[in-house]
Protein backbone atom coordinates (compact mmCIF):
# COMPACT_ATOMS: atom_id res chain seq x y z
CA MET A 1 29.91 -16.57 11.29
CA PHE A 2 28.21 -18.83 8.74
CA SER A 3 27.41 -22.50 9.10
CA PRO A 4 28.66 -24.93 6.43
CA ALA A 5 25.09 -25.15 5.10
CA GLU A 6 24.85 -21.36 4.83
CA ARG A 7 28.20 -21.16 3.08
CA GLN A 8 27.04 -23.72 0.58
CA ARG A 9 23.67 -22.01 0.05
CA TYR A 10 25.08 -18.50 -0.40
CA ARG A 11 28.33 -19.52 -2.10
CA ARG A 12 27.71 -17.49 -5.25
CA HIS A 13 27.23 -14.36 -3.15
CA LEU A 14 30.28 -15.07 -1.05
CA GLN A 15 32.35 -15.41 -4.21
CA LEU A 16 31.46 -11.87 -5.26
CA ALA A 17 34.05 -9.42 -3.96
CA GLU A 18 31.38 -6.72 -3.83
CA ILE A 19 29.32 -8.82 -1.38
CA GLY A 20 31.48 -11.43 0.35
CA GLU A 21 30.95 -12.42 3.97
CA ALA A 22 30.46 -8.85 5.17
CA GLY A 23 27.71 -8.22 2.65
CA GLN A 24 25.97 -11.53 3.27
CA LEU A 25 26.04 -10.74 6.99
CA ARG A 26 24.36 -7.39 6.26
CA LEU A 27 21.64 -9.27 4.41
CA ARG A 28 21.17 -11.66 7.30
CA GLN A 29 20.84 -8.78 9.75
CA ALA A 30 18.46 -6.78 7.55
CA ARG A 31 14.76 -6.34 8.23
CA VAL A 32 12.71 -5.64 5.08
CA LEU A 33 8.97 -5.00 4.94
CA VAL A 34 7.11 -5.95 1.75
CA VAL A 35 3.66 -4.35 1.59
CA GLY A 36 1.44 -6.29 -0.79
CA THR A 37 1.95 -9.97 -1.52
CA GLY A 38 0.34 -9.96 -4.96
CA GLY A 39 1.82 -9.72 -8.45
CA LEU A 40 4.76 -7.53 -7.43
CA GLY A 41 5.14 -8.90 -3.92
CA CYS A 42 5.57 -12.52 -5.03
CA PRO A 43 8.83 -12.09 -6.99
CA ILE A 44 10.09 -9.49 -4.50
CA LEU A 45 9.63 -11.92 -1.62
CA GLN A 46 11.05 -14.89 -3.50
CA TYR A 47 14.31 -13.21 -4.39
CA LEU A 48 14.77 -11.47 -1.04
CA ALA A 49 14.18 -14.76 0.77
CA ALA A 50 16.50 -16.64 -1.57
CA ALA A 51 19.19 -13.97 -1.07
CA GLY A 52 19.13 -14.55 2.68
CA VAL A 53 17.51 -11.36 3.97
CA GLY A 54 17.27 -12.21 7.65
CA THR A 55 13.77 -10.97 8.41
CA LEU A 56 10.98 -10.40 5.93
CA GLY A 57 7.73 -8.72 6.92
CA LEU A 58 4.69 -9.61 4.81
CA ALA A 59 1.77 -7.16 4.99
CA ASP A 60 -1.50 -7.90 3.17
CA ALA A 61 -5.15 -8.37 4.16
CA ASP A 62 -6.30 -10.18 1.03
CA LYS A 63 -7.03 -13.83 0.38
CA VAL A 64 -5.85 -15.78 -2.65
CA GLU A 65 -8.31 -15.73 -5.56
CA LEU A 66 -8.37 -17.86 -8.69
CA THR A 67 -7.77 -14.79 -10.86
CA ASN A 68 -4.51 -14.15 -8.97
CA LEU A 69 -2.79 -17.34 -10.07
CA PRO A 70 -1.53 -16.37 -13.57
CA ARG A 71 0.70 -13.61 -12.15
CA GLN A 72 1.04 -14.28 -8.39
CA ILE A 73 3.41 -17.18 -8.64
CA LEU A 74 3.84 -18.02 -4.96
CA TYR A 75 0.33 -19.47 -4.93
CA GLY A 76 -1.36 -22.57 -6.30
CA THR A 77 -4.92 -23.72 -6.73
CA GLU A 78 -4.91 -25.26 -3.26
CA ASP A 79 -4.24 -21.81 -1.75
CA VAL A 80 -7.44 -20.20 -3.10
CA GLY A 81 -9.41 -18.77 -0.20
CA GLN A 82 -6.40 -18.72 2.13
CA PRO A 83 -4.85 -15.51 3.53
CA LYS A 84 -2.10 -14.43 1.18
CA VAL A 85 0.45 -13.80 3.91
CA GLU A 86 0.02 -17.34 5.22
CA ALA A 87 0.16 -18.99 1.80
CA ALA A 88 3.17 -16.89 0.82
CA ALA A 89 5.03 -17.72 4.02
CA ARG A 90 4.48 -21.45 3.47
CA ALA A 91 6.01 -21.23 0.00
CA LEU A 92 8.87 -19.04 1.19
CA ARG A 93 9.76 -21.37 4.04
CA ARG A 94 10.15 -24.16 1.50
CA LEU A 95 12.50 -21.89 -0.40
CA ASN A 96 14.58 -20.74 2.60
CA SER A 97 13.77 -21.79 6.14
CA LEU A 98 16.72 -19.78 7.50
CA VAL A 99 14.76 -16.54 7.01
CA SER A 100 12.38 -15.25 9.69
CA TYR A 101 8.95 -14.38 8.28
CA GLU A 102 6.76 -11.92 10.17
CA LEU A 103 3.14 -11.97 9.03
CA HIS A 104 0.93 -8.87 9.17
CA GLU A 105 -2.54 -9.84 7.96
CA LEU A 106 -3.83 -6.30 7.77
CA ARG A 107 -4.57 -3.50 5.38
CA VAL A 108 -2.08 -0.71 5.89
CA SER A 109 -3.85 2.41 7.15
CA PRO A 110 -3.00 5.67 8.93
CA SER A 111 -3.81 4.02 12.24
CA ASN A 112 -1.27 1.20 11.96
CA VAL A 113 1.35 2.23 9.41
CA ARG A 114 3.74 4.06 11.73
CA GLU A 115 4.08 1.17 14.15
CA LEU A 116 4.43 -1.29 11.27
CA VAL A 117 7.13 0.55 9.30
CA ALA A 118 9.12 1.41 12.43
CA GLN A 119 9.98 -2.28 12.84
CA TYR A 120 11.92 -2.47 9.55
CA ASP A 121 14.99 -0.99 7.85
CA VAL A 122 13.69 -0.91 4.27
CA VAL A 123 10.15 -0.82 2.84
CA VAL A 124 9.24 -2.31 -0.54
CA ASP A 125 5.90 -1.20 -1.98
CA GLY A 126 4.10 -3.94 -3.91
CA THR A 127 0.64 -2.39 -3.72
CA ASP A 128 -1.69 -1.37 -6.54
CA ASN A 129 -3.35 1.83 -5.33
CA PHE A 130 -2.38 5.45 -4.87
CA PRO A 131 -3.56 6.03 -1.28
CA THR A 132 -1.22 3.32 0.03
CA ARG A 133 1.69 4.63 -2.05
CA TYR A 134 1.31 8.10 -0.56
CA LEU A 135 0.78 6.66 2.90
CA LEU A 136 3.96 4.55 2.72
CA ASN A 137 5.97 7.43 1.30
CA ASP A 138 4.89 9.85 4.00
CA THR A 139 5.57 7.30 6.73
CA CYS A 140 9.03 6.53 5.34
CA VAL A 141 9.79 10.26 5.33
CA SER A 142 8.63 10.51 8.94
CA LEU A 143 10.75 7.55 10.05
CA GLY A 144 13.71 7.96 7.72
CA ARG A 145 13.23 4.70 5.83
CA PRO A 146 14.07 4.13 2.14
CA LEU A 147 11.12 3.11 -0.01
CA VAL A 148 11.52 0.85 -3.05
CA SER A 149 8.51 1.52 -5.26
CA GLY A 150 7.10 -0.28 -8.28
CA ALA A 151 3.97 0.05 -10.39
CA ILE A 152 2.47 -1.80 -13.36
CA TYR A 153 -0.19 -1.00 -15.94
CA LYS A 154 -1.21 -3.29 -18.80
CA PHE A 155 2.16 -3.85 -20.55
CA GLU A 156 4.26 -1.19 -18.82
CA GLY A 157 5.98 -0.98 -15.45
CA GLN A 158 8.20 1.37 -13.50
CA VAL A 159 10.57 1.29 -10.53
CA SER A 160 12.23 3.94 -8.38
CA VAL A 161 13.72 4.29 -4.89
CA PHE A 162 12.49 7.14 -2.75
CA ASN A 163 13.78 8.81 0.42
CA TYR A 164 17.20 7.17 0.01
CA GLN A 165 20.08 9.01 1.69
CA GLY A 166 18.42 12.39 1.35
CA GLY A 167 17.18 11.75 -2.18
CA PRO A 168 13.77 12.67 -3.63
CA THR A 169 10.55 11.27 -2.23
CA TYR A 170 7.49 9.93 -4.04
CA ARG A 171 5.84 13.34 -3.74
CA CYS A 172 8.80 14.99 -5.50
CA LEU A 173 7.81 12.97 -8.58
CA PHE A 174 4.04 12.87 -8.01
CA PRO A 175 3.12 15.84 -5.77
CA THR A 176 -0.60 15.11 -5.51
CA PRO A 177 -2.76 12.00 -5.89
CA PRO A 178 -4.67 11.66 -9.16
CA THR A 179 -8.37 12.34 -9.23
CA ALA A 180 -10.82 9.47 -9.60
CA ALA A 181 -11.14 10.29 -13.30
CA GLU A 182 -7.36 10.27 -13.80
CA ALA A 183 -6.59 7.08 -11.88
CA PRO A 184 -6.82 3.77 -13.79
CA ASP A 185 -9.43 1.31 -12.58
CA CYS A 186 -7.37 -1.67 -11.44
CA ASN A 187 -10.47 -3.86 -11.20
CA THR A 188 -11.28 -3.61 -14.91
CA THR A 189 -7.82 -3.16 -16.43
CA GLY A 190 -5.89 -6.28 -17.38
CA VAL A 191 -2.15 -6.85 -17.06
CA LEU A 192 0.31 -9.09 -18.92
CA ASN A 193 0.97 -11.92 -16.47
CA VAL A 194 4.78 -11.79 -16.70
CA LEU A 195 4.98 -8.01 -16.15
CA PRO A 196 4.80 -8.14 -12.32
CA GLY A 197 7.62 -10.69 -12.36
CA LEU A 198 9.85 -8.38 -14.38
CA ILE A 199 9.11 -5.28 -12.31
CA GLY A 200 9.12 -7.10 -8.97
CA THR A 201 12.52 -8.61 -9.72
CA VAL A 202 13.92 -5.13 -10.37
CA GLN A 203 12.43 -3.97 -7.06
CA ALA A 204 14.11 -6.88 -5.29
CA THR A 205 17.39 -5.92 -6.96
CA GLU A 206 17.09 -2.34 -5.72
CA ALA A 207 16.20 -3.50 -2.21
CA LEU A 208 19.32 -5.68 -2.13
CA LYS A 209 21.44 -2.76 -3.36
CA VAL A 210 20.02 -0.54 -0.63
CA VAL A 211 20.77 -3.10 2.09
CA LEU A 212 24.26 -3.82 0.73
CA GLY A 213 25.11 -0.20 -0.09
CA LEU A 214 26.01 -1.46 -3.53
CA GLY A 215 25.95 0.13 -6.97
CA ASP A 216 23.94 3.09 -8.24
CA VAL A 217 20.52 2.95 -6.58
CA LEU A 218 17.51 4.22 -8.57
CA SER A 219 17.21 7.33 -6.42
CA GLY A 220 16.14 10.40 -8.37
CA ARG A 221 15.51 8.17 -11.38
CA LEU A 222 12.37 6.45 -12.62
CA TRP A 223 13.07 3.34 -14.71
CA VAL A 224 10.24 2.55 -17.14
CA LEU A 225 9.83 -0.66 -19.15
CA ASP A 226 7.50 -1.22 -22.11
CA THR A 227 7.22 -4.97 -22.64
CA LEU A 228 5.58 -4.68 -26.07
CA SER A 229 8.68 -3.06 -27.54
CA PHE A 230 10.97 -4.18 -24.74
CA GLN A 231 12.43 -0.73 -24.68
CA SER A 232 13.26 0.92 -21.39
CA ARG A 233 13.98 4.52 -20.50
CA THR A 234 15.12 6.29 -17.38
CA LEU A 235 13.61 9.60 -16.34
CA ARG A 236 15.50 11.83 -13.91
CA PHE A 237 13.86 14.00 -11.29
CA LYS A 238 15.11 16.14 -8.40
CA ARG A 239 14.30 16.57 -4.77
CA ASP A 240 11.65 19.23 -4.28
CA ALA A 241 12.28 21.45 -1.27
CA VAL A 242 8.59 21.58 -0.32
CA GLN A 243 7.27 18.17 -1.35
CA SER A 244 10.18 16.28 0.24
CA LEU A 245 9.22 17.59 3.69
CA ILE A 246 5.64 16.32 3.60
CA ASN A 247 5.29 13.43 6.04
CA LEU A 248 2.70 11.43 7.92
CA ASP A 249 2.08 14.31 10.35
CA THR A 250 1.80 17.13 7.81
CA ALA A 251 0.07 15.53 4.80
CA SER A 252 -3.64 15.78 4.14
CA PRO A 253 -5.25 12.58 5.47
CA ALA A 254 -7.62 12.70 2.49
CA ASP A 255 -4.68 11.59 0.31
CA TYR A 256 -4.90 8.17 1.94
CA PHE A 257 -8.52 7.42 1.12
CA ASP A 258 -9.72 8.89 -2.17
CA SER A 259 -8.44 6.53 -4.89
CA SER A 260 -10.61 4.54 -7.27
CA CYS A 261 -7.85 2.05 -8.07
CA ALA A 262 -8.22 -0.33 -5.16
CA PRO A 263 -11.25 -2.54 -4.53
CA ALA A 264 -14.26 -0.47 -3.56
CA ALA A 265 -14.83 -2.51 -0.40
CA THR A 266 -11.46 -1.36 0.97
CA THR A 267 -11.08 2.18 -0.37
CA SER A 268 -14.52 3.30 0.88
CA ILE A 269 -14.06 2.14 4.47
CA VAL A 270 -12.43 3.99 7.36
CA THR A 271 -12.01 2.69 10.89
CA ALA A 272 -12.85 4.71 13.99
CA SER A 273 -9.15 5.43 14.59
CA ASP A 274 -8.70 6.49 10.96
CA LEU A 275 -11.65 8.86 11.27
CA GLN A 276 -10.17 10.46 14.39
CA LEU A 277 -7.02 11.24 12.40
CA LEU A 278 -9.07 12.70 9.56
CA LEU A 279 -11.07 14.90 11.92
CA ALA A 280 -7.88 16.25 13.48
CA ALA A 281 -6.58 17.43 10.11
CA ALA A 282 -6.56 21.05 9.00
CA GLU A 283 -9.24 20.25 6.42
CA PRO A 284 -11.44 17.56 8.01
CA PRO A 285 -14.06 15.66 6.02
CA LEU A 286 -17.78 16.36 6.17
CA LEU A 287 -19.67 13.94 8.41
CA LEU A 288 -22.95 12.58 7.02
CA ASP A 289 -25.33 10.87 9.45
CA VAL A 290 -27.90 8.68 7.64
CA ARG A 291 -29.79 7.49 10.74
CA GLY A 292 -33.23 8.70 11.77
CA PRO A 293 -33.94 12.09 13.38
CA LEU A 294 -34.54 10.62 16.86
CA GLU A 295 -31.26 8.69 16.77
CA TYR A 296 -29.50 11.85 15.65
CA GLN A 297 -31.14 13.89 18.40
CA ARG A 298 -30.03 11.46 21.10
CA ARG A 299 -26.37 11.52 20.02
CA HIS A 300 -24.34 12.29 16.94
CA LEU A 301 -20.82 13.22 15.94
CA PRO A 302 -20.19 16.97 16.26
CA GLY A 303 -20.97 18.93 13.11
CA ALA A 304 -22.54 15.98 11.30
CA LEU A 305 -25.11 16.66 8.59
CA LEU A 306 -28.33 14.64 9.01
CA LEU A 307 -29.74 13.05 5.86
CA PRO A 308 -31.80 9.98 6.80
CA LEU A 309 -31.33 7.10 4.40
CA PRO A 310 -35.00 7.10 3.18
CA GLN A 311 -34.59 10.77 2.14
CA LEU A 312 -31.13 10.46 0.65
CA ALA A 313 -32.05 10.01 -3.01
CA ALA A 314 -34.30 13.07 -2.99
CA ARG A 315 -31.73 15.21 -1.16
CA ALA A 316 -28.54 13.92 -2.75
CA ALA A 317 -27.70 17.40 -4.06
CA GLU A 318 -27.00 18.46 -0.47
CA VAL A 319 -23.98 16.13 -0.33
CA PRO A 320 -20.84 17.99 -1.50
CA ARG A 321 -18.58 16.51 -4.17
CA THR A 322 -15.49 18.66 -3.64
CA ARG A 323 -14.33 17.33 -0.24
CA PRO A 324 -14.18 13.93 1.46
CA VAL A 325 -17.45 12.84 3.05
CA VAL A 326 -17.57 10.20 5.79
CA VAL A 327 -20.98 8.54 5.99
CA TYR A 328 -21.96 6.84 9.23
CA CYS A 329 -24.90 5.16 10.96
CA GLN A 330 -25.25 3.04 14.10
CA SER A 331 -23.65 -0.21 12.92
CA GLY A 332 -22.33 0.46 9.41
CA VAL A 333 -25.15 -1.23 7.50
CA ARG A 334 -27.15 1.84 6.49
CA SER A 335 -24.04 3.89 5.72
CA ALA A 336 -22.83 1.18 3.32
CA LYS A 337 -26.21 1.29 1.57
CA ALA A 338 -26.04 5.08 1.43
CA VAL A 339 -22.59 5.07 -0.16
CA GLU A 340 -23.67 2.44 -2.69
CA LEU A 341 -26.73 4.53 -3.60
CA LEU A 342 -24.82 7.77 -4.02
CA GLN A 343 -22.07 6.13 -6.05
CA ARG A 344 -24.37 4.12 -8.30
CA GLU A 345 -27.14 6.64 -8.93
CA PHE A 346 -25.33 9.96 -8.64
CA GLY A 347 -21.68 9.20 -9.47
CA TYR A 348 -20.10 10.26 -6.19
CA THR A 349 -16.40 9.39 -5.86
CA ASN A 350 -15.51 11.14 -2.58
CA LEU A 351 -17.42 8.97 -0.09
CA LEU A 352 -16.15 6.91 2.83
CA THR A 353 -18.14 4.79 5.27
CA LEU A 354 -17.35 4.34 8.96
CA SER A 355 -16.65 0.67 9.61
CA GLY A 356 -18.83 -0.63 12.44
CA GLY A 357 -20.66 2.67 12.73
CA LEU A 358 -21.00 4.55 16.00
CA GLU A 359 -20.96 1.25 17.88
CA GLU A 360 -17.23 1.07 17.18
CA TYR A 361 -16.53 4.75 17.78
CA PRO A 362 -14.95 5.72 21.12
CA GLY A 363 -17.47 7.27 23.52
CA PHE A 364 -20.58 5.90 21.80
């Protein structure tokens, strides 16, 4: 069942009656997806790989930056500029080459999340923005996958496990996404460099417990740690009959796009496939066409409001603030300028831009 090298490597696990050979075999057969390979993802991946989880999926679209290095400990200076999933996999293979690493260099979105999550048994959320947290929760509800969730802010972190054996979901604890004013700005808020290591290690612990069926999993409980006092507390919450049923097919697609916590370049962009999902929702976004009148007359998306870019500043009041607005042009250049203008000069927080413009949209 295990080679001599495996027995030697995992000896301390095999010596635990609660794990033993049967448990270590469960780890080897497990498929765990870690979304986000940053501050939380690094310790999560390290400990899951070291434990012998058979297949680890790494999902992240970012590249390593110099500012990442104090807290994202899988990376070194030589990795700056490299895709995170590739740099992380190189480090993890040095740690344990017996594990299979599946790399997904992508940003999780409504158009790819179902296919991605369906490949794995357990999902661990190492992201830093609310849209992705709701998206992963709703997908895990749809597919019946447990979700190990963690979050950090300055000196404080929290961990819980959602959708575990009929337990509460993320929406049972947080029914609706925060508004832009309520959400912290992750681009301007610092974090103690060791905090992701502490919280990520707890997430890895919970993921191992889920795979092994071991101990009292943090389902229906939110564990909170304050590193300044080093006091922790556990908050209990129950499954909500309504919120627990919300899934990828019944949630408002706007929940997946309207956060101010992730980098603006990613939160303000939707792909053509994402837009099709949004338009099929019960409450679709407003479409704003910023091309010229002749371009609009030749062809435009049904129901789109025309506000040519040169007129936008003078007519900004015509753009609503109380519902999502998808701005588009022919190639994506003018729409990006329009969003920047409305955000900078008029304080809009509900704008999205269509990546690639109509050139990337089916039928155009």
